[in-house]
Amino acid sequence: AGLQGKNLEGRLVTPALIDCHTHLVYGGSRATEFELRLQGA
């Protein structure tokens, strides 16, 4: 009760989020083939 605390002013609090499936580490880019596919390749 004696803790001053931080007033979050009614905001929503959730657990910190978790991404359980990524391939985040990689080299290069595949933007060119994205474009080629949309051009019909």
PDB file of all heavy atoms in Angstrom:
ATOM      1  N   ALA A   1       0.817  -1.215   0.000  1.00  0.00           N
ATOM      2  CA  ALA A   1       0.000   0.000   0.000  1.00  0.00           C
ATOM      3  C   ALA A   1       0.852   1.267   0.000  1.00  0.00           C
ATOM      4  O   ALA A   1       0.433   2.314  -0.493  1.00  0.00           O
ATOM      5  CB  ALA A   1      -0.940   0.000   1.202  1.00  0.00           C
ATOM      6  N   GLY A   2       2.058   1.180   0.533  1.00  0.00           N
ATOM      7  CA  GLY A   2       2.915   2.360   0.609  1.00  0.00           C
ATOM      8  C   GLY A   2       3.677   2.666  -0.670  1.00  0.00           C
ATOM      9  O   GLY A   2       4.332   3.712  -0.771  1.00  0.00           O
ATOM     10  N   LEU A   3       3.589   1.779  -1.640  1.00  0.00           N
ATOM     11  CA  LEU A   3       4.301   2.011  -2.894  1.00  0.00           C
ATOM     12  C   LEU A   3       3.587   3.098  -3.701  1.00  0.00           C
ATOM     13  O   LEU A   3       2.372   3.056  -3.873  1.00  0.00           O
ATOM     14  CB  LEU A   3       4.351   0.723  -3.720  1.00  0.00           C
ATOM     15  CG  LEU A   3       5.131  -0.457  -3.123  1.00  0.00           C
ATOM     16  CD1 LEU A   3       4.982  -1.686  -4.024  1.00  0.00           C
ATOM     17  CD2 LEU A   3       6.601  -0.109  -2.955  1.00  0.00           C
ATOM     18  N   GLN A   4       4.338   4.087  -4.174  1.00  0.00           N
ATOM     19  CA  GLN A   4       3.734   5.171  -4.933  1.00  0.00           C
ATOM     20  C   GLN A   4       3.175   4.655  -6.256  1.00  0.00           C
ATOM     21  O   GLN A   4       2.062   4.954  -6.635  1.00  0.00           O
ATOM     22  CB  GLN A   4       4.754   6.279  -5.191  1.00  0.00           C
ATOM     23  CG  GLN A   4       4.155   7.480  -5.905  1.00  0.00           C
ATOM     24  CD  GLN A   4       5.139   8.631  -6.011  1.00  0.00           C
ATOM     25  OE1 GLN A   4       6.251   8.563  -5.498  1.00  0.00           O
ATOM     26  NE2 GLN A   4       4.738   9.691  -6.683  1.00  0.00           N
ATOM     27  N   GLY A   5       3.962   3.881  -6.936  1.00  0.00           N
ATOM     28  CA  GLY A   5       3.491   3.214  -8.141  1.00  0.00           C
ATOM     29  C   GLY A   5       3.389   4.119  -9.355  1.00  0.00           C
ATOM     30  O   GLY A   5       3.446   5.347  -9.265  1.00  0.00           O
ATOM     31  N   LYS A   6       3.224   3.488 -10.502  1.00  0.00           N
ATOM     32  CA  LYS A   6       3.047   4.200 -11.769  1.00  0.00           C
ATOM     33  C   LYS A   6       1.618   4.051 -12.229  1.00  0.00           C
ATOM     34  O   LYS A   6       1.105   2.933 -12.356  1.00  0.00           O
ATOM     35  CB  LYS A   6       4.004   3.641 -12.832  1.00  0.00           C
ATOM     36  CG  LYS A   6       3.880   4.356 -14.171  1.00  0.00           C
ATOM     37  CD  LYS A   6       4.942   3.927 -15.165  1.00  0.00           C
ATOM     38  CE  LYS A   6       4.797   4.715 -16.461  1.00  0.00           C
ATOM     39  NZ  LYS A   6       5.858   4.385 -17.445  1.00  0.00           N
ATOM     40  N   ASN A   7       0.955   5.162 -12.486  1.00  0.00           N
ATOM     41  CA  ASN A   7      -0.429   5.178 -12.942  1.00  0.00           C
ATOM     42  C   ASN A   7      -0.455   4.939 -14.451  1.00  0.00           C
ATOM     43  O   ASN A   7       0.027   5.770 -15.226  1.00  0.00           O
ATOM     44  CB  ASN A   7      -1.061   6.529 -12.600  1.00  0.00           C
ATOM     45  CG  ASN A   7      -2.539   6.593 -12.951  1.00  0.00           C
ATOM     46  OD1 ASN A   7      -3.088   5.675 -13.588  1.00  0.00           O
ATOM     47  ND2 ASN A   7      -3.204   7.659 -12.544  1.00  0.00           N
ATOM     48  N   LEU A   8      -1.011   3.816 -14.870  1.00  0.00           N
ATOM     49  CA  LEU A   8      -1.073   3.485 -16.293  1.00  0.00           C
ATOM     50  C   LEU A   8      -2.310   4.065 -16.977  1.00  0.00           C
ATOM     51  O   LEU A   8      -2.537   3.817 -18.162  1.00  0.00           O
ATOM     52  CB  LEU A   8      -1.017   1.973 -16.485  1.00  0.00           C
ATOM     53  CG  LEU A   8       0.291   1.316 -16.020  1.00  0.00           C
ATOM     54  CD1 LEU A   8       0.269  -0.186 -16.294  1.00  0.00           C
ATOM     55  CD2 LEU A   8       1.500   1.953 -16.688  1.00  0.00           C
ATOM     56  N   GLU A   9      -3.104   4.817 -16.238  1.00  0.00           N
ATOM     57  CA  GLU A   9      -4.205   5.615 -16.789  1.00  0.00           C
ATOM     58  C   GLU A   9      -5.197   4.782 -17.603  1.00  0.00           C
ATOM     59  O   GLU A   9      -5.679   5.191 -18.657  1.00  0.00           O
ATOM     60  CB  GLU A   9      -3.645   6.768 -17.629  1.00  0.00           C
ATOM     61  CG  GLU A   9      -2.761   7.700 -16.817  1.00  0.00           C
ATOM     62  CD  GLU A   9      -2.148   8.810 -17.651  1.00  0.00           C
ATOM     63  OE1 GLU A   9      -2.125   8.678 -18.899  1.00  0.00           O
ATOM     64  OE2 GLU A   9      -1.699   9.798 -17.060  1.00  0.00           O
ATOM     65  N   GLY A  10      -5.481   3.586 -17.100  1.00  0.00           N
ATOM     66  CA  GLY A  10      -6.494   2.740 -17.727  1.00  0.00           C
ATOM     67  C   GLY A  10      -6.029   1.977 -18.952  1.00  0.00           C
ATOM     68  O   GLY A  10      -6.839   1.318 -19.621  1.00  0.00           O
ATOM     69  N   ARG A  11      -4.738   2.032 -19.265  1.00  0.00           N
ATOM     70  CA  ARG A  11      -4.239   1.336 -20.459  1.00  0.00           C
ATOM     71  C   ARG A  11      -4.307  -0.181 -20.280  1.00  0.00           C
ATOM     72  O   ARG A  11      -4.363  -0.699 -19.168  1.00  0.00           O
ATOM     73  CB  ARG A  11      -2.808   1.760 -20.760  1.00  0.00           C
ATOM     74  CG  ARG A  11      -2.660   3.214 -21.201  1.00  0.00           C
ATOM     75  CD  ARG A  11      -1.217   3.527 -21.571  1.00  0.00           C
ATOM     76  NE  ARG A  11      -1.074   4.884 -22.076  1.00  0.00           N
ATOM     77  CZ  ARG A  11      -0.801   5.941 -21.336  1.00  0.00           C
ATOM     78  NH1 ARG A  11      -0.635   5.797 -20.015  1.00  0.00           N
ATOM     79  NH2 ARG A  11      -0.682   7.134 -21.883  1.00  0.00           N
ATOM     80  N   LEU A  12      -4.265  -0.868 -21.418  1.00  0.00           N
ATOM     81  CA  LEU A  12      -4.258  -2.332 -21.423  1.00  0.00           C
ATOM     82  C   LEU A  12      -2.851  -2.851 -21.164  1.00  0.00           C
ATOM     83  O   LEU A  12      -1.878  -2.356 -21.741  1.00  0.00           O
ATOM     84  CB  LEU A  12      -4.751  -2.856 -22.769  1.00  0.00           C
ATOM     85  CG  LEU A  12      -4.699  -4.381 -22.949  1.00  0.00           C
ATOM     86  CD1 LEU A  12      -5.756  -5.057 -22.092  1.00  0.00           C
ATOM     87  CD2 LEU A  12      -4.889  -4.754 -24.421  1.00  0.00           C
ATOM     88  N   VAL A  13      -2.753  -3.868 -20.320  1.00  0.00           N
ATOM     89  CA  VAL A  13      -1.489  -4.561 -20.072  1.00  0.00           C
ATOM     90  C   VAL A  13      -1.664  -6.017 -20.482  1.00  0.00           C
ATOM     91  O   VAL A  13      -2.648  -6.666 -20.104  1.00  0.00           O
ATOM     92  CB  VAL A  13      -1.080  -4.475 -18.585  1.00  0.00           C
ATOM     93  CG1 VAL A  13       0.158  -5.318 -18.316  1.00  0.00           C
ATOM     94  CG2 VAL A  13      -0.834  -3.025 -18.186  1.00  0.00           C
ATOM     95  N   THR A  14      -0.727  -6.522 -21.270  1.00  0.00           N
ATOM     96  CA  THR A  14      -0.722  -7.943 -21.648  1.00  0.00           C
ATOM     97  C   THR A  14       0.656  -8.523 -21.339  1.00  0.00           C
ATOM     98  O   THR A  14       1.625  -7.776 -21.157  1.00  0.00           O
ATOM     99  CB  THR A  14      -0.984  -8.139 -23.156  1.00  0.00           C
ATOM    100  OG1 THR A  14       0.168  -7.696 -23.902  1.00  0.00           O
ATOM    101  CG2 THR A  14      -2.218  -7.394 -23.616  1.00  0.00           C
ATOM    102  N   PRO A  15       0.755  -9.845 -21.314  1.00  0.00           N
ATOM    103  CA  PRO A  15       2.102 -10.412 -21.286  1.00  0.00           C
ATOM    104  C   PRO A  15       2.892  -9.912 -22.498  1.00  0.00           C
ATOM    105  O   PRO A  15       2.310  -9.641 -23.560  1.00  0.00           O
ATOM    106  CB  PRO A  15       1.851 -11.925 -21.377  1.00  0.00           C
ATOM    107  CG  PRO A  15       0.441 -12.110 -20.931  1.00  0.00           C
ATOM    108  CD  PRO A  15      -0.299 -10.883 -21.368  1.00  0.00           C
ATOM    109  N   ALA A  16       4.193  -9.744 -22.350  1.00  0.00           N
ATOM    110  CA  ALA A  16       5.018  -9.429 -23.506  1.00  0.00           C
ATOM    111  C   ALA A  16       4.792 -10.499 -24.571  1.00  0.00           C
ATOM    112  O   ALA A  16       4.601 -11.683 -24.261  1.00  0.00           O
ATOM    113  CB  ALA A  16       6.485  -9.360 -23.111  1.00  0.00           C
ATOM    114  N   LEU A  17       4.805 -10.106 -25.829  1.00  0.00           N
ATOM    115  CA  LEU A  17       4.448 -11.023 -26.906  1.00  0.00           C
ATOM    116  C   LEU A  17       5.612 -11.953 -27.258  1.00  0.00           C
ATOM    117  O   LEU A  17       6.779 -11.664 -26.977  1.00  0.00           O
ATOM    118  CB  LEU A  17       3.991 -10.239 -28.139  1.00  0.00           C
ATOM    119  CG  LEU A  17       2.852  -9.237 -27.906  1.00  0.00           C
ATOM    120  CD1 LEU A  17       2.390  -8.652 -29.232  1.00  0.00           C
ATOM    121  CD2 LEU A  17       1.693  -9.865 -27.149  1.00  0.00           C
ATOM    122  N   ILE A  18       5.252 -13.075 -27.889  1.00  0.00           N
ATOM    123  CA  ILE A  18       6.208 -14.131 -28.228  1.00  0.00           C
ATOM    124  C   ILE A  18       5.980 -14.546 -29.673  1.00  0.00           C
ATOM    125  O   ILE A  18       4.850 -14.866 -30.052  1.00  0.00           O
ATOM    126  CB  ILE A  18       6.018 -15.355 -27.307  1.00  0.00           C
ATOM    127  CG1 ILE A  18       6.247 -14.983 -25.843  1.00  0.00           C
ATOM    128  CG2 ILE A  18       6.943 -16.504 -27.727  1.00  0.00           C
ATOM    129  CD1 ILE A  18       5.776 -16.055 -24.858  1.00  0.00           C
ATOM    130  N   ASP A  19       7.036 -14.535 -30.479  1.00  0.00           N
ATOM    131  CA  ASP A  19       6.950 -15.090 -31.834  1.00  0.00           C
ATOM    132  C   ASP A  19       7.693 -16.416 -31.821  1.00  0.00           C
ATOM    133  O   ASP A  19       8.919 -16.455 -31.699  1.00  0.00           O
ATOM    134  CB  ASP A  19       7.560 -14.144 -32.865  1.00  0.00           C
ATOM    135  CG  ASP A  19       7.205 -14.540 -34.298  1.00  0.00           C
ATOM    136  OD1 ASP A  19       7.074 -15.753 -34.552  1.00  0.00           O
ATOM    137  OD2 ASP A  19       7.063 -13.659 -35.157  1.00  0.00           O
ATOM    138  N   CYS A  20       6.960 -17.509 -31.947  1.00  0.00           N
ATOM    139  CA  CYS A  20       7.533 -18.840 -31.734  1.00  0.00           C
ATOM    140  C   CYS A  20       8.000 -19.530 -33.012  1.00  0.00           C
ATOM    141  O   CYS A  20       8.372 -20.705 -32.974  1.00  0.00           O
ATOM    142  CB  CYS A  20       6.549 -19.728 -30.979  1.00  0.00           C
ATOM    143  SG  CYS A  20       5.014 -20.082 -31.867  1.00  0.00           S
ATOM    144  N   HIS A  21       8.011 -18.818 -34.163  1.00  0.00           N
ATOM    145  CA  HIS A  21       8.473 -19.441 -35.412  1.00  0.00           C
ATOM    146  C   HIS A  21       8.965 -18.351 -36.354  1.00  0.00           C
ATOM    147  O   HIS A  21       8.167 -17.661 -36.995  1.00  0.00           O
ATOM    148  CB  HIS A  21       7.337 -20.230 -36.063  1.00  0.00           C
ATOM    149  CG  HIS A  21       7.713 -20.943 -37.327  1.00  0.00           C
ATOM    150  ND1 HIS A  21       7.418 -22.278 -37.546  1.00  0.00           N
ATOM    151  CD2 HIS A  21       8.322 -20.528 -38.464  1.00  0.00           C
ATOM    152  CE1 HIS A  21       7.839 -22.633 -38.752  1.00  0.00           C
ATOM    153  NE2 HIS A  21       8.405 -21.570 -39.330  1.00  0.00           N
ATOM    154  N   THR A  22      10.300 -18.194 -36.458  1.00  0.00           N
ATOM    155  CA  THR A  22      10.865 -17.266 -37.438  1.00  0.00           C
ATOM    156  C   THR A  22      12.128 -17.861 -38.057  1.00  0.00           C
ATOM    157  O   THR A  22      12.769 -18.752 -37.503  1.00  0.00           O
ATOM    158  CB  THR A  22      11.244 -15.886 -36.841  1.00  0.00           C
ATOM    159  OG1 THR A  22      12.547 -15.937 -36.249  1.00  0.00           O
ATOM    160  CG2 THR A  22      10.226 -15.400 -35.828  1.00  0.00           C
ATOM    161  N   HIS A  23      12.469 -17.313 -39.231  1.00  0.00           N
ATOM    162  CA  HIS A  23      13.730 -17.586 -39.918  1.00  0.00           C
ATOM    163  C   HIS A  23      14.448 -16.243 -40.066  1.00  0.00           C
ATOM    164  O   HIS A  23      14.870 -15.861 -41.153  1.00  0.00           O
ATOM    165  CB  HIS A  23      13.475 -18.204 -41.285  1.00  0.00           C
ATOM    166  CG  HIS A  23      12.620 -19.437 -41.276  1.00  0.00           C
ATOM    167  ND1 HIS A  23      13.127 -20.703 -41.492  1.00  0.00           N
ATOM    168  CD2 HIS A  23      11.281 -19.605 -41.078  1.00  0.00           C
ATOM    169  CE1 HIS A  23      12.136 -21.598 -41.443  1.00  0.00           C
ATOM    170  NE2 HIS A  23      11.011 -20.943 -41.189  1.00  0.00           N
ATOM    171  N   LEU A  24      14.575 -15.520 -38.978  1.00  0.00           N
ATOM    172  CA  LEU A  24      14.959 -14.118 -39.016  1.00  0.00           C
ATOM    173  C   LEU A  24      16.386 -13.877 -39.502  1.00  0.00           C
ATOM    174  O   LEU A  24      16.685 -12.834 -40.085  1.00  0.00           O
ATOM    175  CB  LEU A  24      14.755 -13.508 -37.616  1.00  0.00           C
ATOM    176  CG  LEU A  24      14.981 -12.015 -37.486  1.00  0.00           C
ATOM    177  CD1 LEU A  24      13.844 -11.364 -36.723  1.00  0.00           C
ATOM    178  CD2 LEU A  24      16.305 -11.734 -36.773  1.00  0.00           C
ATOM    179  N   VAL A  25      17.285 -14.824 -39.265  1.00  0.00           N
ATOM    180  CA  VAL A  25      18.684 -14.656 -39.675  1.00  0.00           C
ATOM    181  C   VAL A  25      18.883 -15.243 -41.072  1.00  0.00           C
ATOM    182  O   VAL A  25      18.727 -16.453 -41.280  1.00  0.00           O
ATOM    183  CB  VAL A  25      19.640 -15.333 -38.674  1.00  0.00           C
ATOM    184  CG1 VAL A  25      21.078 -15.297 -39.197  1.00  0.00           C
ATOM    185  CG2 VAL A  25      19.551 -14.650 -37.310  1.00  0.00           C
ATOM    186  N   TYR A  26      19.212 -14.394 -42.020  1.00  0.00           N
ATOM    187  CA  TYR A  26      19.498 -14.860 -43.389  1.00  0.00           C
ATOM    188  C   TYR A  26      20.235 -13.766 -44.135  1.00  0.00           C
ATOM    189  O   TYR A  26      20.211 -12.590 -43.740  1.00  0.00           O
ATOM    190  CB  TYR A  26      18.213 -15.240 -44.136  1.00  0.00           C
ATOM    191  CG  TYR A  26      17.188 -14.135 -44.277  1.00  0.00           C
ATOM    192  CD1 TYR A  26      17.265 -13.198 -45.314  1.00  0.00           C
ATOM    193  CD2 TYR A  26      16.134 -14.022 -43.372  1.00  0.00           C
ATOM    194  CE1 TYR A  26      16.334 -12.188 -45.444  1.00  0.00           C
ATOM    195  CE2 TYR A  26      15.200 -13.013 -43.493  1.00  0.00           C
ATOM    196  CZ  TYR A  26      15.300 -12.095 -44.526  1.00  0.00           C
ATOM    197  OH  TYR A  26      14.374 -11.090 -44.648  1.00  0.00           O
ATOM    198  N   GLY A  27      20.869 -14.126 -45.226  1.00  0.00           N
ATOM    199  CA  GLY A  27      21.561 -13.166 -46.062  1.00  0.00           C
ATOM    200  C   GLY A  27      20.757 -12.830 -47.303  1.00  0.00           C
ATOM    201  O   GLY A  27      19.969 -13.639 -47.794  1.00  0.00           O
ATOM    202  N   GLY A  28      20.970 -11.634 -47.830  1.00  0.00           N
ATOM    203  CA  GLY A  28      20.376 -11.259 -49.100  1.00  0.00           C
ATOM    204  C   GLY A  28      18.906 -10.907 -49.030  1.00  0.00           C
ATOM    205  O   GLY A  28      18.334 -10.699 -47.958  1.00  0.00           O
ATOM    206  N   SER A  29      18.288 -10.847 -50.210  1.00  0.00           N
ATOM    207  CA  SER A  29      16.872 -10.488 -50.350  1.00  0.00           C
ATOM    208  C   SER A  29      16.269 -11.283 -51.497  1.00  0.00           C
ATOM    209  O   SER A  29      16.971 -11.681 -52.423  1.00  0.00           O
ATOM    210  CB  SER A  29      16.739  -8.990 -50.643  1.00  0.00           C
ATOM    211  OG  SER A  29      15.425  -8.650 -51.038  1.00  0.00           O
ATOM    212  N   ARG A  30      14.976 -11.516 -51.415  1.00  0.00           N
ATOM    213  CA  ARG A  30      14.280 -12.218 -52.502  1.00  0.00           C
ATOM    214  C   ARG A  30      13.255 -11.295 -53.175  1.00  0.00           C
ATOM    215  O   ARG A  30      12.292 -11.763 -53.791  1.00  0.00           O
ATOM    216  CB  ARG A  30      13.598 -13.481 -51.957  1.00  0.00           C
ATOM    217  CG  ARG A  30      14.545 -14.443 -51.235  1.00  0.00           C
ATOM    218  CD  ARG A  30      14.969 -15.602 -52.086  1.00  0.00           C
ATOM    219  NE  ARG A  30      13.899 -16.582 -52.195  1.00  0.00           N
ATOM    220  CZ  ARG A  30      13.616 -17.515 -51.268  1.00  0.00           C
ATOM    221  NH1 ARG A  30      14.354 -17.601 -50.172  1.00  0.00           N
ATOM    222  NH2 ARG A  30      12.639 -18.368 -51.459  1.00  0.00           N
ATOM    223  N   ALA A  31      13.452  -9.981 -53.043  1.00  0.00           N
ATOM    224  CA  ALA A  31      12.503  -9.031 -53.620  1.00  0.00           C
ATOM    225  C   ALA A  31      12.445  -9.160 -55.145  1.00  0.00           C
ATOM    226  O   ALA A  31      11.366  -9.001 -55.750  1.00  0.00           O
ATOM    227  CB  ALA A  31      12.873  -7.597 -53.235  1.00  0.00           C
ATOM    228  N   THR A  32      13.575  -9.465 -55.756  1.00  0.00           N
ATOM    229  CA  THR A  32      13.599  -9.582 -57.214  1.00  0.00           C
ATOM    230  C   THR A  32      12.709 -10.720 -57.692  1.00  0.00           C
ATOM    231  O   THR A  32      11.932 -10.567 -58.643  1.00  0.00           O
ATOM    232  CB  THR A  32      15.037  -9.791 -57.724  1.00  0.00           C
ATOM    233  OG1 THR A  32      15.821  -8.651 -57.373  1.00  0.00           O
ATOM    234  CG2 THR A  32      15.058  -9.966 -59.236  1.00  0.00           C
ATOM    235  N   GLU A  33      12.791 -11.874 -57.016  1.00  0.00           N
ATOM    236  CA  GLU A  33      11.949 -12.989 -57.458  1.00  0.00           C
ATOM    237  C   GLU A  33      10.480 -12.742 -57.129  1.00  0.00           C
ATOM    238  O   GLU A  33       9.593 -13.224 -57.839  1.00  0.00           O
ATOM    239  CB  GLU A  33      12.432 -14.317 -56.889  1.00  0.00           C
ATOM    240  CG  GLU A  33      12.198 -14.524 -55.412  1.00  0.00           C
ATOM    241  CD  GLU A  33      12.679 -15.898 -54.967  1.00  0.00           C
ATOM    242  OE1 GLU A  33      13.889 -16.155 -55.028  1.00  0.00           O
ATOM    243  OE2 GLU A  33      11.822 -16.696 -54.546  1.00  0.00           O
ATOM    244  N   PHE A  34      10.205 -11.984 -56.081  1.00  0.00           N
ATOM    245  CA  PHE A  34       8.823 -11.565 -55.795  1.00  0.00           C
ATOM    246  C   PHE A  34       8.273 -10.787 -56.991  1.00  0.00           C
ATOM    247  O   PHE A  34       7.162 -11.026 -57.463  1.00  0.00           O
ATOM    248  CB  PHE A  34       8.824 -10.697 -54.525  1.00  0.00           C
ATOM    249  CG  PHE A  34       7.523 -10.011 -54.218  1.00  0.00           C
ATOM    250  CD1 PHE A  34       6.446 -10.720 -53.714  1.00  0.00           C
ATOM    251  CD2 PHE A  34       7.381  -8.641 -54.406  1.00  0.00           C
ATOM    252  CE1 PHE A  34       5.245 -10.086 -53.416  1.00  0.00           C
ATOM    253  CE2 PHE A  34       6.188  -7.997 -54.114  1.00  0.00           C
ATOM    254  CZ  PHE A  34       5.119  -8.716 -53.619  1.00  0.00           C
ATOM    255  N   GLU A  35       9.098  -9.882 -57.492  1.00  0.00           N
ATOM    256  CA  GLU A  35       8.691  -9.095 -58.653  1.00  0.00           C
ATOM    257  C   GLU A  35       8.551  -9.965 -59.901  1.00  0.00           C
ATOM    258  O   GLU A  35       7.588  -9.835 -60.664  1.00  0.00           O
ATOM    259  CB  GLU A  35       9.712  -7.976 -58.895  1.00  0.00           C
ATOM    260  CG  GLU A  35       9.309  -6.998 -59.987  1.00  0.00           C
ATOM    261  CD  GLU A  35      10.214  -5.783 -60.029  1.00  0.00           C
ATOM    262  OE1 GLU A  35      11.417  -5.913 -59.724  1.00  0.00           O
ATOM    263  OE2 GLU A  35       9.707  -4.698 -60.370  1.00  0.00           O
ATOM    264  N   LEU A  36       9.497 -10.888 -60.103  1.00  0.00           N
ATOM    265  CA  LEU A  36       9.451 -11.767 -61.276  1.00  0.00           C
ATOM    266  C   LEU A  36       8.197 -12.640 -61.277  1.00  0.00           C
ATOM    267  O   LEU A  36       7.578 -12.852 -62.324  1.00  0.00           O
ATOM    268  CB  LEU A  36      10.703 -12.647 -61.324  1.00  0.00           C
ATOM    269  CG  LEU A  36      12.011 -11.946 -61.709  1.00  0.00           C
ATOM    270  CD1 LEU A  36      13.189 -12.885 -61.529  1.00  0.00           C
ATOM    271  CD2 LEU A  36      11.943 -11.437 -63.147  1.00  0.00           C
ATOM    272  N   ARG A  37       7.817 -13.160 -60.097  1.00  0.00           N
ATOM    273  CA  ARG A  37       6.608 -13.987 -60.016  1.00  0.00           C
ATOM    274  C   ARG A  37       5.387 -13.191 -60.453  1.00  0.00           C
ATOM    275  O   ARG A  37       4.513 -13.695 -61.143  1.00  0.00           O
ATOM    276  CB  ARG A  37       6.404 -14.518 -58.594  1.00  0.00           C
ATOM    277  CG  ARG A  37       7.304 -15.678 -58.218  1.00  0.00           C
ATOM    278  CD  ARG A  37       6.722 -16.501 -57.077  1.00  0.00           C
ATOM    279  NE  ARG A  37       6.382 -15.702 -55.916  1.00  0.00           N
ATOM    280  CZ  ARG A  37       7.228 -15.418 -54.923  1.00  0.00           C
ATOM    281  NH1 ARG A  37       8.483 -15.850 -54.973  1.00  0.00           N
ATOM    282  NH2 ARG A  37       6.830 -14.706 -53.885  1.00  0.00           N
ATOM    283  N   LEU A  38       5.332 -11.931 -60.028  1.00  0.00           N
ATOM    284  CA  LEU A  38       4.188 -11.100 -60.370  1.00  0.00           C
ATOM    285  C   LEU A  38       4.213 -10.653 -61.830  1.00  0.00           C
ATOM    286  O   LEU A  38       3.209 -10.165 -62.354  1.00  0.00           O
ATOM    287  CB  LEU A  38       4.126  -9.887 -59.437  1.00  0.00           C
ATOM    288  CG  LEU A  38       3.789 -10.259 -57.980  1.00  0.00           C
ATOM    289  CD1 LEU A  38       3.946  -9.075 -57.067  1.00  0.00           C
ATOM    290  CD2 LEU A  38       2.375 -10.829 -57.883  1.00  0.00           C
ATOM    291  N   GLN A  39       5.352 -10.845 -62.481  1.00  0.00           N
ATOM    292  CA  GLN A  39       5.453 -10.576 -63.917  1.00  0.00           C
ATOM    293  C   GLN A  39       5.206 -11.842 -64.744  1.00  0.00           C
ATOM    294  O   GLN A  39       5.311 -11.807 -65.968  1.00  0.00           O
ATOM    295  CB  GLN A  39       6.832  -9.994 -64.241  1.00  0.00           C
ATOM    296  CG  GLN A  39       7.047  -8.590 -63.686  1.00  0.00           C
ATOM    297  CD  GLN A  39       8.471  -8.097 -63.843  1.00  0.00           C
ATOM    298  OE1 GLN A  39       9.366  -8.878 -64.179  1.00  0.00           O
ATOM    299  NE2 GLN A  39       8.688  -6.816 -63.598  1.00  0.00           N
ATOM    300  N   GLY A  40       4.904 -12.962 -64.028  1.00  0.00           N
ATOM    301  CA  GLY A  40       4.524 -14.176 -64.725  1.00  0.00           C
ATOM    302  C   GLY A  40       5.521 -15.307 -64.716  1.00  0.00           C
ATOM    303  O   GLY A  40       5.242 -16.396 -65.236  1.00  0.00           O
ATOM    304  N   ALA A  41       6.712 -15.106 -64.116  1.00  0.00           N
ATOM    305  CA  ALA A  41       7.714 -16.173 -64.076  1.00  0.00           C
ATOM    306  C   ALA A  41       7.259 -17.284 -63.136  1.00  0.00           C
ATOM    307  O   ALA A  41       6.649 -17.029 -62.091  1.00  0.00           O
ATOM    308  CB  ALA A  41       9.059 -15.620 -63.615  1.00  0.00           C
TER     309      ALA A  41
END
